[in-house]
Protein backbone atom coordinates (compact mmCIF):
# COMPACT_ATOMS: atom_id res chain seq x y z
CA MET A 1 109.69 102.89 86.68
CA THR A 2 108.82 99.59 88.30
CA VAL A 3 110.60 96.27 88.59
CA ALA A 4 108.55 93.12 88.60
CA CYS A 5 108.45 89.34 88.50
CA ASP A 6 105.71 87.49 86.66
CA GLU A 7 102.85 86.55 88.95
CA ALA A 8 99.60 84.72 88.38
CA LYS A 9 96.74 87.02 89.28
CA PRO A 10 93.26 85.89 90.28
CA ARG A 11 90.52 86.45 87.76
CA GLN A 12 87.98 88.96 88.96
CA ALA A 13 84.55 87.57 89.65
CA PRO A 14 82.02 87.95 86.84
CA ASP A 15 78.95 90.11 87.24
CA THR A 16 77.04 88.54 90.08
CA PRO A 17 73.58 87.18 89.29
CA GLY A 18 70.55 89.35 89.91
CA GLU A 19 70.05 93.08 90.13
CA PRO A 20 72.81 95.24 91.68
CA LEU A 21 72.15 96.17 95.29
CA ALA A 22 71.27 99.87 95.57
CA ILE A 23 71.95 100.83 99.19
CA ALA A 24 69.91 103.72 100.56
CA GLY A 25 71.42 103.87 104.04
CA GLY A 26 72.60 101.95 107.05
CA CYS A 27 72.77 101.83 110.81
CA GLY A 28 75.07 99.75 112.95
CA ALA A 29 75.82 96.45 111.20
CA ARG A 30 72.86 96.68 108.81
CA VAL A 31 72.07 98.40 105.53
CA ARG A 32 68.81 98.87 103.67
CA ASP A 33 68.21 99.08 99.95
CA VAL A 34 66.05 101.52 98.03
CA ASN A 35 63.10 99.14 98.39
CA GLY A 36 63.38 99.19 102.18
CA ARG A 37 64.79 95.67 102.56
CA GLU A 38 67.38 95.19 105.31
CA TYR A 39 70.62 93.21 105.16
CA VAL A 40 73.39 92.28 107.58
CA ASP A 41 76.37 94.11 106.09
CA CYS A 42 79.70 92.32 105.72
CA VAL A 43 81.25 94.96 103.46
CA CYS A 44 81.33 97.93 105.86
CA GLY A 45 82.31 100.52 103.26
CA ASP A 46 85.12 98.27 101.97
CA GLY A 47 86.46 98.10 105.50
CA ALA A 48 86.37 101.80 106.34
CA LEU A 49 83.35 101.58 108.64
CA ILE A 50 85.04 99.65 111.43
CA VAL A 51 82.63 101.05 114.03
CA GLY A 52 79.60 100.41 111.82
CA HIS A 53 77.19 102.61 109.88
CA ALA A 54 76.08 105.89 111.46
CA HIS A 55 77.91 105.30 114.73
CA PRO A 56 76.33 107.87 117.10
CA ALA A 57 79.58 109.63 118.00
CA VAL A 58 80.78 109.69 114.39
CA ALA A 59 77.42 110.93 113.10
CA GLU A 60 77.36 113.64 115.75
CA ALA A 61 80.88 114.75 114.85
CA VAL A 62 79.96 115.03 111.16
CA ALA A 63 76.77 116.94 111.95
CA ARG A 64 78.68 119.32 114.21
CA ALA A 65 81.28 119.92 111.49
CA GLY A 66 78.50 120.60 109.00
CA ALA A 67 76.88 123.09 111.30
CA ASP A 68 80.21 124.87 111.69
CA GLY A 69 80.90 124.85 107.93
CA ALA A 70 82.59 121.73 106.64
CA ASP A 71 84.55 123.00 103.64
CA GLY A 72 87.83 122.50 105.46
CA ALA A 73 89.03 126.04 104.87
CA ASP A 74 90.02 126.47 108.49
CA ALA A 75 90.53 122.89 109.66
CA GLY A 76 94.14 123.32 110.76
CA ALA A 77 93.54 122.41 114.39
CA LEU A 78 91.64 119.27 113.44
CA GLU A 79 94.35 118.26 110.96
CA ALA A 80 97.01 118.68 113.62
CA GLU A 81 95.01 116.66 116.14
CA LEU A 82 94.34 113.79 113.74
CA ALA A 83 97.97 113.74 112.59
CA GLU A 84 99.12 113.63 116.21
CA ARG A 85 96.76 110.75 116.99
CA LEU A 86 98.00 108.77 113.99
CA ALA A 87 101.60 109.41 114.98
CA GLU A 88 100.86 108.05 118.45
CA ALA A 89 99.23 104.92 117.02
CA LEU A 90 101.66 103.89 114.27
CA PRO A 91 105.19 102.69 115.11
CA SER A 92 106.46 104.09 111.78
CA ALA A 93 105.05 107.59 112.21
CA ASP A 94 107.21 110.45 113.41
CA THR A 95 105.42 112.78 111.02
CA VAL A 96 102.06 112.54 109.24
CA HIS A 97 100.86 114.31 106.07
CA LEU A 98 97.13 114.08 105.39
CA ALA A 99 95.94 113.43 101.84
CA ALA A 100 92.70 113.49 99.87
CA SER A 101 92.52 109.72 99.36
CA ALA A 102 94.33 106.41 99.76
CA ALA A 103 95.53 106.64 96.17
CA ASP A 104 97.01 110.08 96.82
CA ALA A 105 98.63 108.79 99.99
CA THR A 106 100.26 105.87 98.17
CA ALA A 107 101.47 108.11 95.35
CA GLY A 108 102.82 110.58 97.90
CA ALA A 109 104.73 107.82 99.68
CA LEU A 110 106.38 106.78 96.41
CA ARG A 111 107.37 110.39 95.66
CA LEU A 112 108.92 110.66 99.10
CA ALA A 113 110.84 107.42 98.64
CA ARG A 114 112.27 108.58 95.31
CA ALA A 115 113.15 112.00 96.68
CA PHE A 116 114.85 110.60 99.77
CA THR A 117 116.85 107.80 98.14
CA GLY A 118 117.50 109.34 94.72
CA GLY A 119 116.35 106.08 93.15
CA THR A 120 113.60 105.87 90.53
CA LYS A 121 112.52 102.23 90.59
CA VAL A 122 109.69 100.83 92.70
CA LEU A 123 109.34 97.13 93.43
CA ALA A 124 105.74 96.24 94.29
CA CYS A 125 105.08 92.97 96.10
CA GLY A 126 101.58 92.05 94.99
CA ASN A 127 99.03 94.73 94.16
CA SER A 128 98.55 97.97 96.05
CA HIS A 129 95.61 100.34 96.31
CA GLY A 130 96.11 103.27 93.97
CA GLU A 131 98.77 101.32 92.05
CA ALA A 132 96.59 98.62 90.48
CA ASP A 133 98.43 98.73 87.14
CA MET A 134 101.84 98.37 88.75
CA PRO A 135 103.42 95.02 87.82
CA ALA A 136 104.39 93.10 90.93
CA ALA A 137 106.76 90.61 92.43
CA PRO A 138 104.89 87.72 94.04
CA TYR A 139 103.51 88.31 97.52
CA ASN A 140 104.94 85.91 100.11
CA ASP A 141 107.83 84.86 97.82
CA LEU A 142 110.92 86.32 99.43
CA ALA A 143 113.33 84.60 97.02
CA ALA A 144 111.61 86.24 94.04
CA VAL A 145 111.78 89.61 95.76
CA GLU A 146 115.49 89.15 96.45
CA SER A 147 116.10 88.47 92.74
CA ALA A 148 114.12 91.55 91.75
CA VAL A 149 116.03 93.71 94.23
CA ALA A 150 119.32 92.49 92.77
CA GLU A 151 118.06 93.28 89.26
CA ALA A 152 117.05 96.81 90.25
CA GLY A 153 120.47 97.58 91.69
CA ASP A 154 121.27 100.99 93.14
CA ASP A 155 118.30 102.65 91.45
CA LEU A 156 115.72 100.98 93.70
CA ALA A 157 113.81 103.61 95.69
CA CYS A 158 111.48 101.37 97.67
CA ILE A 159 109.63 98.12 98.10
CA LEU A 160 105.87 98.68 98.26
CA VAL A 161 103.71 96.02 99.89
CA GLU A 162 100.39 95.44 101.57
CA PRO A 163 101.58 93.82 104.82
CA ILE A 164 98.36 91.81 104.73
CA ALA A 165 97.29 91.24 101.15
CA SER A 166 93.69 92.23 100.47
CA THR A 167 93.43 92.85 96.72
CA ILE A 168 93.57 89.06 96.14
CA GLY A 169 91.37 88.37 99.14
CA VAL A 170 92.80 88.28 102.64
CA VAL A 171 96.22 86.60 102.63
CA PRO A 172 98.41 87.01 105.73
CA PRO A 173 102.19 87.32 105.41
CA ALA A 174 104.13 84.08 105.57
CA PRO A 175 106.50 83.73 108.54
CA GLY A 176 109.65 85.69 107.81
CA PHE A 177 108.27 87.52 104.76
CA LEU A 178 107.86 90.99 106.26
CA PRO A 179 111.09 90.79 108.32
CA GLY A 180 112.81 89.62 105.14
CA LEU A 181 111.59 92.68 103.26
CA ARG A 182 112.81 94.89 106.10
CA ASP A 183 116.27 93.28 105.94
CA LEU A 184 116.45 93.61 102.16
CA CYS A 185 115.67 97.31 102.32
CA ASP A 186 118.23 97.87 105.06
CA GLN A 187 120.87 96.07 103.03
CA CYS A 188 120.30 97.88 99.72
CA GLY A 189 119.37 101.35 101.01
CA ALA A 190 115.81 101.30 99.66
CA LEU A 191 112.79 102.23 101.77
CA LEU A 192 110.07 99.84 102.90
CA VAL A 193 106.60 101.25 102.24
CA PHE A 194 103.51 99.64 103.77
CA ASP A 195 100.18 100.14 102.04
CA GLU A 196 97.93 99.93 105.11
CA THR A 197 94.86 101.42 103.46
CA THR A 198 93.04 98.19 104.32
CA SER A 199 94.96 96.77 107.30
CA GLY A 200 95.49 100.08 109.12
CA PHE A 201 93.38 99.97 112.31
CA ARG A 202 91.82 96.73 111.05
CA ALA A 203 94.61 94.33 111.97
CA ALA A 204 95.28 96.21 115.21
CA TYR A 205 95.07 99.77 116.53
CA GLY A 206 98.60 100.37 115.25
CA GLY A 207 98.03 98.50 111.99
CA ALA A 208 99.72 95.39 110.66
CA GLN A 209 103.10 96.89 111.52
CA SER A 210 102.10 96.81 115.17
CA LEU A 211 100.63 93.31 114.94
CA TYR A 212 103.70 91.78 113.26
CA GLY A 213 106.38 93.94 114.84
CA VAL A 214 107.92 95.09 111.53
CA THR A 215 108.30 98.85 111.14
CA PRO A 216 108.25 100.31 107.61
CA ASP A 217 109.87 103.59 106.64
CA LEU A 218 106.62 104.97 105.22
CA THR A 219 102.94 104.04 105.60
CA ALA A 220 99.93 104.90 103.44
CA LEU A 221 96.48 105.00 105.06
CA GLY A 222 92.95 105.36 103.68
CA LYS A 223 89.48 106.45 104.64
CA ILE A 224 89.19 104.30 107.74
CA ILE A 225 90.95 107.24 109.43
CA GLY A 226 88.09 109.49 108.27
CA GLY A 227 85.22 107.36 109.49
CA GLY A 228 84.56 106.32 105.88
CA LEU A 229 84.76 109.83 104.40
CA PRO A 230 87.36 110.66 101.70
CA ILE A 231 90.78 111.04 103.30
CA GLY A 232 94.22 109.47 103.31
CA ALA A 233 97.55 109.92 105.05
CA VAL A 234 101.26 109.31 104.60
CA ALA A 235 103.23 108.62 107.75
CA GLY A 236 106.92 108.03 108.25
CA ARG A 237 110.28 108.93 109.67
CA ARG A 238 110.79 112.65 110.07
CA GLU A 239 113.93 112.90 107.92
CA ILE A 240 112.11 111.16 105.05
CA MET A 241 108.92 113.19 105.36
CA GLU A 242 110.88 116.46 105.34
CA THR A 243 112.32 115.75 101.88
CA ALA A 244 108.97 116.50 100.22
CA ALA A 245 108.96 119.74 98.26
CA ASP A 246 105.18 119.64 98.25
CA LYS A 247 102.66 117.89 100.46
CA PRO A 248 99.61 115.95 99.25
CA ALA A 249 96.32 117.81 99.00
CA GLY A 250 94.44 117.67 102.29
CA PRO A 251 91.34 115.58 102.98
CA ALA A 252 88.64 115.93 100.33
CA SER A 253 85.99 115.76 103.05
CA GLY A 254 87.36 118.75 104.96
CA SER A 255 86.52 119.16 108.63
CA ALA A 256 83.71 116.57 108.38
CA GLY A 257 86.18 113.81 107.55
CA LEU A 258 88.67 115.00 110.15
CA SER A 259 85.98 115.07 112.83
CA ALA A 260 84.64 111.66 111.80
CA GLY A 261 88.17 110.25 111.92
CA LEU A 262 88.83 111.57 115.41
CA ALA A 263 85.50 110.18 116.64
CA THR A 264 86.31 106.80 115.08
CA LEU A 265 89.72 106.68 116.77
CA ASP A 266 88.08 107.62 120.06
CA ALA A 267 85.67 104.70 119.70
CA LEU A 268 88.51 102.30 118.88
CA ARG A 269 90.45 103.35 121.98
CA GLU A 270 87.65 102.29 124.31
CA PRO A 271 88.67 99.41 126.62
CA GLU A 272 88.57 95.92 125.12
CA VAL A 273 87.22 97.05 121.73
CA TYR A 274 89.73 95.01 119.76
CA GLU A 275 89.35 91.99 122.02
CA ALA A 276 85.60 92.01 121.38
CA LEU A 277 86.07 92.54 117.64
CA GLU A 278 88.55 89.67 117.50
CA ALA A 279 86.10 87.38 119.29
CA THR A 280 83.28 88.37 116.91
CA SER A 281 85.44 87.75 113.85
CA ALA A 282 86.78 84.43 115.13
CA ARG A 283 83.22 83.31 115.82
CA LEU A 284 82.03 84.13 112.30
CA ALA A 285 85.03 82.40 110.76
CA LEU A 286 84.26 79.27 112.77
CA LEU A 287 80.60 79.36 111.77
CA LEU A 288 81.33 79.81 108.05
CA ALA A 289 83.99 77.11 108.01
CA GLY A 290 81.63 74.78 109.85
CA ALA A 291 78.83 75.39 107.36
CA ALA A 292 81.15 74.59 104.45
CA LEU A 293 82.45 71.47 106.19
CA ASP A 294 78.91 70.23 106.83
CA ALA A 295 78.17 70.73 103.13
CA GLY A 296 81.27 68.79 102.11
CA LEU A 297 82.71 71.70 100.18
CA GLU A 298 86.36 72.53 99.56
CA VAL A 299 86.86 76.04 100.92
CA GLN A 300 89.68 77.95 102.59
CA LEU A 301 89.05 80.65 105.16
CA ASN A 302 91.81 83.22 105.70
CA ARG A 303 91.40 85.75 108.49
CA VAL A 304 93.42 88.47 110.17
CA GLY A 305 91.52 90.44 112.80
CA SER A 306 88.18 91.71 111.52
CA MET A 307 88.92 90.97 107.84
CA MET A 308 88.54 87.56 106.21
CA THR A 309 87.94 85.79 102.91
CA LEU A 310 86.07 82.55 102.27
CA PHE A 311 87.87 81.17 99.23
CA PHE A 312 86.02 78.62 97.13
CA ALA A 313 89.38 76.95 96.52
CA PRO A 314 90.74 73.39 96.82
CA VAL A 315 94.12 74.44 98.25
CA ARG A 316 95.37 76.68 101.02
CA VAL A 317 95.58 80.26 99.73
CA THR A 318 98.97 81.82 100.46
CA ASP A 319 99.58 83.99 97.40
CA ALA A 320 98.05 85.20 94.13
CA ARG A 321 98.78 81.94 92.33
CA SER A 322 96.83 79.83 94.81
CA ALA A 323 94.08 82.48 95.04
CA ALA A 324 93.67 82.18 91.26
CA ARG A 325 92.48 78.62 91.76
CA ALA A 326 89.36 79.86 93.55
CA ASP A 327 85.99 79.32 91.88
CA ALA A 328 84.92 82.91 91.25
CA ASP A 329 81.74 81.80 89.48
CA GLY A 330 80.77 79.62 92.43
CA TYR A 331 81.40 82.50 94.79
CA GLY A 332 79.21 84.73 92.61
CA ARG A 333 76.32 82.30 93.01
CA PHE A 334 76.95 82.15 96.76
CA PHE A 335 76.91 85.95 96.95
CA ALA A 336 73.57 86.16 95.14
CA ALA A 337 71.95 83.45 97.26
CA MET A 338 73.17 85.06 100.49
CA LEU A 339 71.81 88.41 99.34
CA GLU A 340 68.40 86.82 98.84
CA ARG A 341 68.60 85.70 102.47
CA GLY A 342 69.42 89.14 103.79
CA VAL A 343 73.23 88.99 103.99
CA HIS A 344 75.34 91.53 102.07
CA LEU A 345 78.73 90.02 101.23
CA PRO A 346 81.46 91.49 98.99
CA SER A 347 80.48 90.84 95.39
CA SER A 348 83.93 89.57 94.37
CA GLN A 349 85.64 86.39 95.53
CA PHE A 350 88.78 88.49 95.94
CA SER A 351 87.34 91.24 98.16
CA PRO A 352 87.49 90.78 101.93
CA ILE A 353 84.60 90.30 104.31
CA PHE A 354 84.77 93.04 106.95
CA LEU A 355 83.11 93.09 110.34
CA SER A 356 82.56 96.02 112.67
CA THR A 357 82.22 96.69 116.36
CA ALA A 358 78.46 96.95 115.70
CA HIS A 359 78.02 93.29 114.68
CA THR A 360 76.14 91.27 117.31
CA SER A 361 75.70 87.57 118.00
CA ASP A 362 72.29 87.79 116.33
CA ASP A 363 73.93 89.17 113.19
CA LEU A 364 76.44 86.32 113.18
CA GLN A 365 73.69 83.77 113.66
CA GLN A 366 71.75 85.15 110.71
CA ILE A 367 74.86 84.97 108.51
CA ALA A 368 75.64 81.41 109.65
CA GLU A 369 72.10 80.14 109.14
CA ALA A 370 71.93 81.68 105.67
CA ALA A 371 75.30 80.19 104.72
CA ALA A 372 74.25 76.75 105.94
CA ARG A 373 71.09 76.81 103.83
CA VAL A 374 72.91 78.09 100.74
CA LEU A 375 75.89 75.74 100.93
CA LEU A 376 73.78 72.67 101.64
CA GLY A 377 71.72 73.57 98.56
């Protein structure tokens, strides 16, 4: 059972003009279609490919797993190593259970919350991956959440939230929102569950919880921890994790996904990786905002780390209601025109732009020049 407040939700972008892009492969920050045309990629596997396409170490790890037999039948050592690495990275993680997908991880976290608290109700703040049909209290509206918590009473098992909203485009938490959720949960005995399937290792090495200094009770992670291959994870306090009668099914990608995940985490732990990624992302945000300003257009650019959204909106976007004022049709035309100029953006106004450690200054320049031409008409 879920408890919810009414919330305006952004309309999904219509089918974008032109033929769908059929990607045949990619390398670094670029992809190519079935006709051999190359594009700068700003989708990066919906954020999972934070080190780019076919990163040499990741590709080698997958190939080695394949040569050894990648069905995952005897991947116990790899599972233990990846779980240990995630526990080291995430402030919330005493124990980690691997799952087949982000959706399985989110569902597993909710089962754990209900088992631990004895409550049945879930209050979702905004949308969550794997729980798209769950009605939600407004993101960034702490007063509305407080009312919903009071309505749920003692039967509230948890509050589920993306610490950085991404299903409405990138929307960072308002000051005090995440600490307020933490306080509410502490007061009423419910658990705080972070859906970090997008923000995990994107916002920072330790996720949004590390960036904002708010520790949830449980965390759900997605395929960024598998180098883009199918995998998920639930992480949390040991006493909560031990209440599960059954654990989620392990990674669907077997030892290949585990190996790719470990190689990805190795690459992210290299010195100054996040500093360089932050500089790259800040530079692109500046270039895109400048192109829109030169064209005299009303746009809003929200960014946290290497994820951002260029909203074709007349007002600052802080929640679903303001995101709903974005011109999805206009963004669809922008997407199509950028694709013609060799830049692959997310096809929906409400899907984030993602950058990777593979993006170079030349890539950024190509994106900026294309955007300037398109926006100036």
